[in-house]
Amino acid sequence: MSLPSYRAAIIGCGRKGSTIDSEDRWLVNYDLAPCSHASAYCAHPRTDLIAGASGSEKSADDFRQRWQVPRVYTNYMEM
């Protein structure tokens, strides 16, 4: 029996969704990586991060480049 695999998409490509792991200060409850949703999904061997949605075009594009996701959206309903 094979183990299941998962596909994940994130709504909100800002701090908690994507960038908190890059902060240089100690964070209460966030002292062990992975801390962002994206980094946690990417750290799981059977999970593929396939998309992200952000209201900001720049944030969505930064997310796409940082996590190498194939699709980003500026409207979560389209995702």
N, C-alpha and C. Protein backbone atom coordinates (compact mmCIF):
# COMPACT_ATOMS: atom_id res chain seq x y z
N MET A 1 0.84 -1.19 0.00
CA MET A 1 0.00 0.00 0.00
C MET A 1 0.89 1.25 0.00
N SER A 2 0.67 2.13 -0.95
CA SER A 2 1.48 3.35 -1.02
C SER A 2 0.88 4.44 -0.13
N LEU A 3 1.75 5.29 0.34
CA LEU A 3 1.30 6.40 1.17
C LEU A 3 0.71 7.49 0.28
N PRO A 4 -0.29 8.21 0.79
CA PRO A 4 -0.92 9.26 -0.02
C PRO A 4 0.02 10.44 -0.25
N SER A 5 -0.21 11.14 -1.33
CA SER A 5 0.50 12.39 -1.58
C SER A 5 -0.54 13.50 -1.60
N TYR A 6 -0.06 14.73 -1.40
CA TYR A 6 -0.96 15.86 -1.27
C TYR A 6 -0.53 17.01 -2.16
N ARG A 7 -1.49 17.82 -2.57
CA ARG A 7 -1.23 19.07 -3.27
C ARG A 7 -1.76 20.18 -2.39
N ALA A 8 -0.96 21.24 -2.23
CA ALA A 8 -1.35 22.35 -1.36
C ALA A 8 -1.32 23.66 -2.12
N ALA A 9 -2.21 24.56 -1.74
CA ALA A 9 -2.23 25.93 -2.24
C ALA A 9 -2.44 26.85 -1.05
N ILE A 10 -1.87 28.03 -1.12
CA ILE A 10 -1.92 28.96 0.01
C ILE A 10 -2.63 30.24 -0.39
N ILE A 11 -3.56 30.66 0.47
CA ILE A 11 -4.20 31.96 0.31
C ILE A 11 -3.53 32.88 1.32
N GLY A 12 -2.90 33.91 0.82
CA GLY A 12 -2.16 34.84 1.68
C GLY A 12 -0.67 34.56 1.56
N CYS A 13 0.03 35.30 0.75
CA CYS A 13 1.44 35.04 0.44
C CYS A 13 2.39 35.97 1.18
N GLY A 14 1.94 36.50 2.29
CA GLY A 14 2.75 37.43 3.06
C GLY A 14 3.59 36.73 4.12
N ARG A 15 3.66 37.34 5.27
CA ARG A 15 4.56 36.92 6.34
C ARG A 15 4.34 35.47 6.78
N LYS A 16 3.17 35.12 7.26
CA LYS A 16 2.93 33.76 7.76
C LYS A 16 2.84 32.75 6.62
N GLY A 17 2.33 33.17 5.51
CA GLY A 17 2.22 32.27 4.37
C GLY A 17 3.55 31.96 3.71
N SER A 18 4.51 32.91 3.78
CA SER A 18 5.72 32.74 2.97
C SER A 18 7.03 33.22 3.58
N THR A 19 7.07 34.37 4.24
CA THR A 19 8.36 35.01 4.51
C THR A 19 8.87 34.98 5.94
N ILE A 20 8.11 34.50 6.89
CA ILE A 20 8.51 34.59 8.30
C ILE A 20 9.83 33.87 8.58
N ASP A 21 10.14 32.84 7.82
CA ASP A 21 11.38 32.10 8.03
C ASP A 21 12.62 32.94 7.74
N SER A 22 12.48 34.02 7.01
CA SER A 22 13.61 34.87 6.64
C SER A 22 13.91 35.96 7.67
N GLU A 23 13.08 36.09 8.68
CA GLU A 23 13.31 37.13 9.68
C GLU A 23 14.51 36.78 10.55
N ASP A 24 15.29 37.80 10.88
CA ASP A 24 16.52 37.59 11.64
C ASP A 24 16.34 37.72 13.15
N ARG A 25 15.14 37.88 13.61
CA ARG A 25 14.94 38.02 15.05
C ARG A 25 14.23 36.80 15.60
N TRP A 26 14.42 36.58 16.87
CA TRP A 26 13.77 35.45 17.53
C TRP A 26 12.29 35.76 17.67
N LEU A 27 11.46 34.83 17.34
CA LEU A 27 10.02 35.02 17.38
C LEU A 27 9.40 34.06 18.39
N VAL A 28 8.56 34.56 19.25
CA VAL A 28 7.85 33.71 20.19
C VAL A 28 7.00 32.72 19.41
N ASN A 29 7.13 31.46 19.75
CA ASN A 29 6.41 30.35 19.11
C ASN A 29 6.86 30.06 17.68
N TYR A 30 7.87 30.76 17.19
CA TYR A 30 8.35 30.53 15.84
C TYR A 30 9.87 30.35 15.84
N ASP A 31 10.41 29.71 16.85
CA ASP A 31 11.86 29.62 16.96
C ASP A 31 12.43 28.40 16.24
N LEU A 32 11.60 27.49 15.78
CA LEU A 32 12.07 26.32 15.03
C LEU A 32 11.47 26.32 13.64
N ALA A 33 12.31 26.21 12.64
CA ALA A 33 11.82 26.17 11.25
C ALA A 33 11.27 24.77 10.95
N PRO A 34 10.36 24.61 10.05
CA PRO A 34 9.76 25.65 9.21
C PRO A 34 8.64 26.38 9.95
N CYS A 35 8.54 27.67 9.70
CA CYS A 35 7.53 28.50 10.36
C CYS A 35 6.43 28.95 9.41
N SER A 36 6.75 29.22 8.17
CA SER A 36 5.71 29.67 7.23
C SER A 36 4.96 28.45 6.70
N HIS A 37 3.76 28.70 6.24
CA HIS A 37 2.97 27.61 5.66
C HIS A 37 3.69 27.02 4.45
N ALA A 38 4.23 27.89 3.59
CA ALA A 38 4.91 27.40 2.39
C ALA A 38 6.12 26.55 2.73
N SER A 39 6.93 26.99 3.69
CA SER A 39 8.12 26.21 4.03
C SER A 39 7.75 24.87 4.66
N ALA A 40 6.67 24.84 5.40
CA ALA A 40 6.23 23.58 6.01
C ALA A 40 5.75 22.60 4.93
N TYR A 41 4.98 23.10 3.97
CA TYR A 41 4.54 22.22 2.88
C TYR A 41 5.73 21.72 2.07
N CYS A 42 6.67 22.61 1.79
CA CYS A 42 7.84 22.21 1.00
C CYS A 42 8.75 21.24 1.74
N ALA A 43 8.73 21.28 3.06
CA ALA A 43 9.55 20.37 3.85
C ALA A 43 8.95 18.96 3.91
N HIS A 44 7.67 18.83 3.61
CA HIS A 44 7.01 17.52 3.68
C HIS A 44 7.27 16.76 2.38
N PRO A 45 7.84 15.58 2.45
CA PRO A 45 8.24 14.87 1.23
C PRO A 45 7.09 14.43 0.32
N ARG A 46 5.88 14.35 0.84
CA ARG A 46 4.77 13.89 0.00
C ARG A 46 3.78 15.00 -0.31
N THR A 47 4.21 16.25 -0.14
CA THR A 47 3.33 17.38 -0.42
C THR A 47 3.95 18.28 -1.48
N ASP A 48 3.16 18.63 -2.49
CA ASP A 48 3.60 19.56 -3.54
C ASP A 48 2.85 20.87 -3.37
N LEU A 49 3.59 21.95 -3.25
CA LEU A 49 2.99 23.28 -3.21
C LEU A 49 2.76 23.70 -4.66
N ILE A 50 1.49 23.85 -5.03
CA ILE A 50 1.18 24.05 -6.45
C ILE A 50 0.68 25.45 -6.79
N ALA A 51 0.28 26.25 -5.80
CA ALA A 51 -0.26 27.58 -6.12
C ALA A 51 -0.31 28.46 -4.88
N GLY A 52 -0.45 29.75 -5.14
CA GLY A 52 -0.63 30.72 -4.08
C GLY A 52 -1.52 31.84 -4.56
N ALA A 53 -2.21 32.49 -3.63
CA ALA A 53 -3.07 33.62 -3.97
C ALA A 53 -2.79 34.77 -3.02
N SER A 54 -2.68 35.96 -3.59
CA SER A 54 -2.46 37.17 -2.82
C SER A 54 -3.20 38.31 -3.50
N GLY A 55 -3.70 39.25 -2.73
CA GLY A 55 -4.36 40.41 -3.30
C GLY A 55 -3.39 41.34 -4.00
N SER A 56 -2.11 41.18 -3.73
CA SER A 56 -1.08 42.01 -4.33
C SER A 56 -0.36 41.25 -5.43
N GLU A 57 -0.26 41.86 -6.59
CA GLU A 57 0.44 41.21 -7.72
C GLU A 57 1.92 40.99 -7.40
N LYS A 58 2.55 41.96 -6.73
CA LYS A 58 3.96 41.84 -6.36
C LYS A 58 4.17 40.70 -5.36
N SER A 59 3.31 40.64 -4.36
CA SER A 59 3.42 39.57 -3.37
C SER A 59 3.21 38.20 -4.02
N ALA A 60 2.26 38.09 -4.92
CA ALA A 60 2.01 36.83 -5.62
C ALA A 60 3.22 36.44 -6.47
N ASP A 61 3.82 37.40 -7.17
CA ASP A 61 4.98 37.11 -7.99
C ASP A 61 6.20 36.74 -7.14
N ASP A 62 6.40 37.46 -6.02
CA ASP A 62 7.49 37.11 -5.10
C ASP A 62 7.32 35.68 -4.59
N PHE A 63 6.09 35.32 -4.25
CA PHE A 63 5.78 33.97 -3.76
C PHE A 63 6.10 32.92 -4.83
N ARG A 64 5.70 33.21 -6.06
CA ARG A 64 5.96 32.26 -7.16
C ARG A 64 7.45 32.02 -7.33
N GLN A 65 8.21 33.11 -7.30
CA GLN A 65 9.66 32.97 -7.48
C GLN A 65 10.32 32.28 -6.30
N ARG A 66 9.92 32.65 -5.10
CA ARG A 66 10.54 32.09 -3.89
C ARG A 66 10.30 30.59 -3.77
N TRP A 67 9.07 30.15 -4.03
CA TRP A 67 8.70 28.75 -3.80
C TRP A 67 8.59 27.94 -5.08
N GLN A 68 8.88 28.54 -6.22
CA GLN A 68 8.86 27.83 -7.50
C GLN A 68 7.51 27.17 -7.79
N VAL A 69 6.43 27.86 -7.45
CA VAL A 69 5.10 27.31 -7.71
C VAL A 69 4.69 27.62 -9.15
N PRO A 70 3.97 26.71 -9.78
CA PRO A 70 3.60 26.92 -11.19
C PRO A 70 2.55 28.00 -11.41
N ARG A 71 1.70 28.27 -10.41
CA ARG A 71 0.61 29.23 -10.61
C ARG A 71 0.44 30.13 -9.38
N VAL A 72 0.21 31.41 -9.64
CA VAL A 72 -0.20 32.34 -8.59
C VAL A 72 -1.39 33.14 -9.09
N TYR A 73 -2.15 33.65 -8.16
CA TYR A 73 -3.38 34.36 -8.48
C TYR A 73 -3.48 35.61 -7.63
N THR A 74 -4.19 36.62 -8.11
CA THR A 74 -4.48 37.78 -7.30
C THR A 74 -5.91 37.75 -6.79
N ASN A 75 -6.63 36.69 -7.11
CA ASN A 75 -7.99 36.49 -6.64
C ASN A 75 -8.10 35.03 -6.18
N TYR A 76 -8.29 34.85 -4.88
CA TYR A 76 -8.34 33.48 -4.36
C TYR A 76 -9.50 32.67 -4.91
N MET A 77 -10.58 33.34 -5.34
CA MET A 77 -11.72 32.62 -5.90
C MET A 77 -11.36 31.99 -7.26
N GLU A 78 -10.46 32.63 -7.99
CA GLU A 78 -10.00 32.05 -9.26
C GLU A 78 -9.14 30.82 -9.03
N MET A 79 -8.40 30.84 -7.93
CA MET A 79 -7.54 29.70 -7.64
C MET A 79 -8.41 28.49 -7.35
